[in-house]
């Protein structure tokens, strides 16, 4: 249900979303659509694999892929970032925060 809600909210903001039910499916989706995928949002607690494994596997394929990790447990933040997530959002978060993080990852300010 949360996946579908995020999909609808992001599509309203003109993002095309691919959904996966578990980590293995997410990795497969990335492998099939790599050239089209600009960023990944993953929960840490997902079926079959945890989000940490997904992050590691995605970064092994493409170290430049922006990944946002989300979790209801703040204890996951340090590990998610160490595995390669570019940012971490603690649940609950609001849509504006998510959109802001996506924008920052896709349009980094040149220093």
N, C-alpha and C. Protein backbone atom coordinates (compact mmCIF):
# COMPACT_ATOMS: atom_id res chain seq x y z
N UNK A 1 0.81 -1.19 0.00
CA UNK A 1 0.00 0.00 0.00
C UNK A 1 0.86 1.26 0.00
N UNK A 2 1.93 1.26 0.78
CA UNK A 2 2.82 2.42 0.83
C UNK A 2 3.49 2.63 -0.53
N UNK A 3 3.90 1.52 -1.17
CA UNK A 3 4.51 1.63 -2.51
C UNK A 3 3.57 2.31 -3.48
N UNK A 4 2.32 1.88 -3.48
CA UNK A 4 1.33 2.44 -4.41
C UNK A 4 1.06 3.92 -4.11
N UNK A 5 1.03 4.27 -2.83
CA UNK A 5 0.80 5.66 -2.46
C UNK A 5 1.97 6.53 -2.93
N UNK A 6 3.19 6.09 -2.68
CA UNK A 6 4.35 6.85 -3.14
C UNK A 6 4.38 6.95 -4.66
N UNK A 7 4.01 5.87 -5.33
CA UNK A 7 3.96 5.88 -6.78
C UNK A 7 2.99 6.97 -7.26
N UNK A 8 1.79 6.99 -6.71
CA UNK A 8 0.78 7.97 -7.14
C UNK A 8 1.25 9.40 -6.87
N UNK A 9 1.83 9.62 -5.70
CA UNK A 9 2.28 10.96 -5.35
C UNK A 9 3.43 11.43 -6.25
N UNK A 10 4.36 10.54 -6.54
CA UNK A 10 5.48 10.92 -7.41
C UNK A 10 5.04 11.09 -8.86
N UNK A 11 4.09 10.28 -9.29
CA UNK A 11 3.60 10.42 -10.66
C UNK A 11 2.87 11.75 -10.86
N UNK A 12 2.21 12.23 -9.83
CA UNK A 12 1.58 13.56 -9.89
C UNK A 12 2.64 14.62 -10.17
N UNK A 13 3.84 14.37 -9.70
CA UNK A 13 4.96 15.31 -9.88
C UNK A 13 5.82 14.93 -11.09
N UNK A 14 5.24 14.17 -12.00
CA UNK A 14 5.82 13.86 -13.32
C UNK A 14 6.99 12.89 -13.31
N UNK A 15 7.07 12.05 -12.29
CA UNK A 15 8.06 10.98 -12.29
C UNK A 15 7.36 9.72 -12.78
N UNK A 16 8.06 8.94 -13.60
CA UNK A 16 7.56 7.62 -14.01
C UNK A 16 8.18 6.61 -13.05
N UNK A 17 7.35 5.79 -12.43
CA UNK A 17 7.77 4.92 -11.35
C UNK A 17 7.67 3.46 -11.74
N UNK A 18 8.71 2.70 -11.43
CA UNK A 18 8.68 1.25 -11.53
C UNK A 18 8.62 0.70 -10.12
N UNK A 19 7.70 -0.20 -9.87
CA UNK A 19 7.56 -0.79 -8.54
C UNK A 19 8.13 -2.20 -8.50
N UNK A 20 8.63 -2.56 -7.34
CA UNK A 20 9.10 -3.93 -7.12
C UNK A 20 8.56 -4.39 -5.77
N UNK A 21 8.24 -5.68 -5.70
CA UNK A 21 7.68 -6.23 -4.47
C UNK A 21 8.74 -6.68 -3.47
N UNK A 22 9.97 -6.86 -3.97
CA UNK A 22 11.03 -7.31 -3.08
C UNK A 22 12.39 -6.89 -3.67
N UNK A 23 13.45 -7.15 -2.94
CA UNK A 23 14.77 -6.73 -3.37
C UNK A 23 15.24 -7.38 -4.65
N UNK A 24 14.98 -8.66 -4.81
CA UNK A 24 15.41 -9.36 -6.03
C UNK A 24 14.70 -8.80 -7.24
N UNK A 25 13.41 -8.51 -7.10
CA UNK A 25 12.65 -7.94 -8.21
C UNK A 25 13.14 -6.52 -8.51
N UNK A 26 13.48 -5.78 -7.49
CA UNK A 26 14.00 -4.42 -7.70
C UNK A 26 15.32 -4.45 -8.47
N UNK A 27 16.20 -5.37 -8.11
CA UNK A 27 17.46 -5.50 -8.82
C UNK A 27 17.22 -5.90 -10.27
N UNK A 28 16.30 -6.81 -10.48
CA UNK A 28 15.97 -7.24 -11.85
C UNK A 28 15.39 -6.07 -12.65
N UNK A 29 14.51 -5.28 -12.04
CA UNK A 29 13.95 -4.10 -12.72
C UNK A 29 15.07 -3.14 -13.11
N UNK A 30 16.03 -2.95 -12.21
CA UNK A 30 17.13 -2.05 -12.52
C UNK A 30 17.95 -2.58 -13.68
N UNK A 31 18.24 -3.87 -13.67
CA UNK A 31 19.03 -4.45 -14.75
C UNK A 31 18.32 -4.33 -16.10
N UNK A 32 17.00 -4.46 -16.10
CA UNK A 32 16.22 -4.37 -17.34
C UNK A 32 16.05 -2.93 -17.84
N UNK A 33 16.00 -1.98 -16.92
CA UNK A 33 15.66 -0.60 -17.26
C UNK A 33 16.73 0.39 -16.82
N UNK A 34 17.95 -0.06 -16.71
CA UNK A 34 19.04 0.74 -16.16
C UNK A 34 19.16 2.11 -16.84
N UNK A 35 19.03 2.17 -18.15
CA UNK A 35 19.22 3.43 -18.85
C UNK A 35 18.09 4.43 -18.59
N UNK A 36 16.97 3.95 -18.10
CA UNK A 36 15.82 4.82 -17.85
C UNK A 36 15.71 5.25 -16.39
N UNK A 37 16.36 4.55 -15.50
CA UNK A 37 16.19 4.80 -14.06
C UNK A 37 17.19 5.86 -13.60
N UNK A 38 16.64 6.94 -13.03
CA UNK A 38 17.48 8.05 -12.57
C UNK A 38 17.79 7.98 -11.08
N UNK A 39 16.93 7.32 -10.31
CA UNK A 39 17.16 7.18 -8.87
C UNK A 39 16.32 6.03 -8.35
N UNK A 40 16.66 5.57 -7.16
CA UNK A 40 15.94 4.48 -6.51
C UNK A 40 15.56 4.92 -5.09
N UNK A 41 14.34 4.60 -4.71
CA UNK A 41 13.90 4.76 -3.32
C UNK A 41 13.62 3.36 -2.81
N UNK A 42 14.26 2.99 -1.72
CA UNK A 42 14.04 1.67 -1.15
C UNK A 42 13.83 1.74 0.34
N UNK A 43 12.91 0.93 0.80
CA UNK A 43 12.74 0.75 2.24
C UNK A 43 13.83 -0.22 2.68
N UNK A 44 14.26 -0.09 3.89
CA UNK A 44 15.26 -1.03 4.43
C UNK A 44 14.62 -2.39 4.69
N UNK A 45 13.38 -2.39 5.14
CA UNK A 45 12.69 -3.64 5.45
C UNK A 45 11.84 -4.06 4.25
N UNK A 46 12.43 -4.88 3.37
CA UNK A 46 11.72 -5.39 2.20
C UNK A 46 11.83 -6.91 2.18
N UNK A 47 10.84 -7.57 1.56
CA UNK A 47 10.86 -9.05 1.54
C UNK A 47 12.07 -9.60 0.77
N UNK A 48 12.48 -10.78 1.16
CA UNK A 48 13.53 -11.59 0.54
C UNK A 48 14.94 -11.08 0.79
N UNK A 49 15.17 -9.80 0.58
CA UNK A 49 16.45 -9.18 0.91
C UNK A 49 16.10 -7.99 1.76
N UNK A 50 17.06 -7.53 2.52
CA UNK A 50 16.83 -6.23 3.14
C UNK A 50 17.33 -5.15 2.19
N UNK A 51 16.96 -3.94 2.47
CA UNK A 51 17.36 -2.82 1.62
C UNK A 51 18.87 -2.64 1.57
N UNK A 52 19.58 -3.06 2.61
CA UNK A 52 21.03 -2.94 2.62
C UNK A 52 21.64 -3.76 1.47
N UNK A 53 21.15 -4.98 1.29
CA UNK A 53 21.65 -5.83 0.19
C UNK A 53 21.31 -5.22 -1.16
N UNK A 54 20.10 -4.68 -1.28
CA UNK A 54 19.71 -4.05 -2.54
C UNK A 54 20.62 -2.86 -2.85
N UNK A 55 20.86 -2.02 -1.86
CA UNK A 55 21.73 -0.86 -2.05
C UNK A 55 23.11 -1.31 -2.51
N UNK A 56 23.68 -2.28 -1.83
CA UNK A 56 25.02 -2.78 -2.18
C UNK A 56 25.07 -3.32 -3.61
N UNK A 57 24.07 -4.09 -3.98
CA UNK A 57 24.03 -4.68 -5.32
C UNK A 57 23.83 -3.62 -6.40
N UNK A 58 22.96 -2.64 -6.14
CA UNK A 58 22.76 -1.57 -7.12
C UNK A 58 24.02 -0.73 -7.29
N UNK A 59 24.69 -0.42 -6.19
CA UNK A 59 25.91 0.39 -6.26
C UNK A 59 27.04 -0.37 -6.94
N UNK A 60 27.04 -1.71 -6.83
CA UNK A 60 28.04 -2.51 -7.53
C UNK A 60 27.85 -2.40 -9.04
N UNK A 61 26.61 -2.29 -9.48
CA UNK A 61 26.32 -2.13 -10.90
C UNK A 61 26.59 -0.71 -11.36
N UNK A 62 26.14 0.25 -10.56
CA UNK A 62 26.28 1.66 -10.93
C UNK A 62 26.57 2.50 -9.69
N UNK A 63 27.82 2.77 -9.41
CA UNK A 63 28.17 3.54 -8.21
C UNK A 63 27.60 4.95 -8.19
N UNK A 64 27.21 5.46 -9.34
CA UNK A 64 26.68 6.82 -9.43
C UNK A 64 25.16 6.89 -9.25
N UNK A 65 24.49 5.75 -9.15
CA UNK A 65 23.03 5.73 -9.02
C UNK A 65 22.60 6.36 -7.70
N UNK A 66 21.79 7.42 -7.75
CA UNK A 66 21.29 8.01 -6.50
C UNK A 66 20.28 7.07 -5.84
N UNK A 67 20.49 6.81 -4.56
CA UNK A 67 19.60 5.93 -3.81
C UNK A 67 19.15 6.63 -2.53
N UNK A 68 17.84 6.62 -2.31
CA UNK A 68 17.25 7.13 -1.08
C UNK A 68 16.77 5.93 -0.29
N UNK A 69 17.27 5.76 0.92
CA UNK A 69 16.84 4.69 1.80
C UNK A 69 15.83 5.26 2.79
N UNK A 70 14.78 4.49 3.05
CA UNK A 70 13.78 4.92 4.02
C UNK A 70 13.56 3.81 5.04
N UNK A 71 13.25 4.22 6.25
CA UNK A 71 12.99 3.25 7.31
C UNK A 71 12.30 3.96 8.47
N UNK A 72 11.53 3.19 9.20
CA UNK A 72 10.92 3.69 10.42
C UNK A 72 11.86 3.61 11.60
N UNK A 73 13.02 3.03 11.42
CA UNK A 73 13.98 2.86 12.51
C UNK A 73 15.25 3.66 12.22
N UNK A 74 15.49 4.68 13.03
CA UNK A 74 16.67 5.52 12.83
C UNK A 74 17.98 4.75 12.95
N UNK A 75 17.96 3.61 13.62
CA UNK A 75 19.18 2.83 13.78
C UNK A 75 19.72 2.32 12.44
N UNK A 76 18.89 2.35 11.39
CA UNK A 76 19.31 1.88 10.07
C UNK A 76 20.05 2.93 9.26
N UNK A 77 20.01 4.18 9.69
CA UNK A 77 20.59 5.26 8.89
C UNK A 77 22.08 5.06 8.63
N UNK A 78 22.85 4.83 9.65
CA UNK A 78 24.31 4.71 9.50
C UNK A 78 24.68 3.57 8.55
N UNK A 79 24.04 2.42 8.70
CA UNK A 79 24.34 1.28 7.83
C UNK A 79 23.92 1.55 6.40
N UNK A 80 22.75 2.15 6.21
CA UNK A 80 22.27 2.47 4.85
C UNK A 80 23.26 3.39 4.14
N UNK A 81 23.72 4.41 4.82
CA UNK A 81 24.68 5.33 4.22
C UNK A 81 26.02 4.64 3.95
N UNK A 82 26.44 3.78 4.88
CA UNK A 82 27.70 3.04 4.69
C UNK A 82 27.61 2.08 3.50
N UNK A 83 26.44 1.53 3.24
CA UNK A 83 26.26 0.61 2.12
C UNK A 83 26.18 1.35 0.78
N UNK A 84 25.99 2.68 0.83
CA UNK A 84 25.99 3.44 -0.41
C UNK A 84 24.78 4.30 -0.67
N UNK A 85 23.79 4.27 0.22
CA UNK A 85 22.65 5.16 0.04
C UNK A 85 23.14 6.60 0.07
N UNK A 86 22.56 7.44 -0.75
CA UNK A 86 22.97 8.84 -0.81
C UNK A 86 22.28 9.68 0.25
N UNK A 87 21.12 9.23 0.68
CA UNK A 87 20.45 9.89 1.80
C UNK A 87 19.49 8.91 2.45
N UNK A 88 19.05 9.29 3.62
CA UNK A 88 18.18 8.45 4.44
C UNK A 88 17.01 9.30 4.91
N UNK A 89 15.81 8.78 4.77
CA UNK A 89 14.62 9.44 5.30
C UNK A 89 13.98 8.55 6.34
N UNK A 90 13.73 9.11 7.51
CA UNK A 90 13.06 8.38 8.57
C UNK A 90 11.55 8.52 8.38
N UNK A 91 10.85 7.41 8.49
CA UNK A 91 9.39 7.44 8.42
C UNK A 91 8.84 7.87 9.77
N UNK A 92 7.79 8.61 9.80
CA UNK A 92 7.09 9.16 8.63
C UNK A 92 7.81 10.40 8.11
N UNK A 93 7.75 10.59 6.81
CA UNK A 93 8.30 11.80 6.19
C UNK A 93 7.20 12.38 5.31
N UNK A 94 7.35 13.64 4.92
CA UNK A 94 6.32 14.23 4.07
C UNK A 94 6.80 14.28 2.62
N UNK A 95 5.85 14.48 1.74
CA UNK A 95 6.14 14.48 0.32
C UNK A 95 7.13 15.57 -0.05
N UNK A 96 7.01 16.72 0.55
CA UNK A 96 7.93 17.82 0.23
C UNK A 96 9.37 17.45 0.55
N UNK A 97 9.58 16.76 1.64
CA UNK A 97 10.93 16.33 2.00
C UNK A 97 11.46 15.34 0.97
N UNK A 98 10.65 14.37 0.58
CA UNK A 98 11.07 13.40 -0.43
C UNK A 98 11.38 14.10 -1.75
N UNK A 99 10.51 14.99 -2.20
CA UNK A 99 10.73 15.70 -3.46
C UNK A 99 11.99 16.55 -3.40
N UNK A 100 12.23 17.16 -2.26
CA UNK A 100 13.44 17.97 -2.08
C UNK A 100 14.70 17.12 -2.18
N UNK A 101 14.67 15.95 -1.55
CA UNK A 101 15.83 15.04 -1.61
C UNK A 101 16.06 14.54 -3.03
N UNK A 102 14.99 14.19 -3.73
CA UNK A 102 15.12 13.72 -5.11
C UNK A 102 15.72 14.83 -5.96
N UNK A 103 15.20 16.03 -5.82
CA UNK A 103 15.70 17.16 -6.60
C UNK A 103 17.19 17.40 -6.32
N UNK A 104 17.57 17.35 -5.06
CA UNK A 104 18.98 17.57 -4.70
C UNK A 104 19.88 16.49 -5.29
N UNK A 105 19.41 15.25 -5.34
CA UNK A 105 20.21 14.16 -5.89
C UNK A 105 20.32 14.25 -7.41
N UNK A 106 19.24 14.67 -8.06
CA UNK A 106 19.25 14.74 -9.51
C UNK A 106 19.88 16.02 -10.06
N UNK A 107 19.89 17.05 -9.24
CA UNK A 107 20.40 18.37 -9.66
C UNK A 107 21.35 18.92 -8.62
N UNK A 108 22.49 18.24 -8.40
CA UNK A 108 23.42 18.74 -7.38
C UNK A 108 23.95 20.12 -7.74
N UNK A 109 24.11 20.95 -6.72
CA UNK A 109 24.64 22.28 -6.92
C UNK A 109 26.15 22.18 -7.09
N UNK A 110 26.65 22.80 -8.14
CA UNK A 110 28.11 22.81 -8.35
C UNK A 110 28.75 23.69 -7.30
N UNK A 111 29.79 23.18 -6.69
CA UNK A 111 30.48 23.96 -5.64
C UNK A 111 31.60 24.77 -6.24
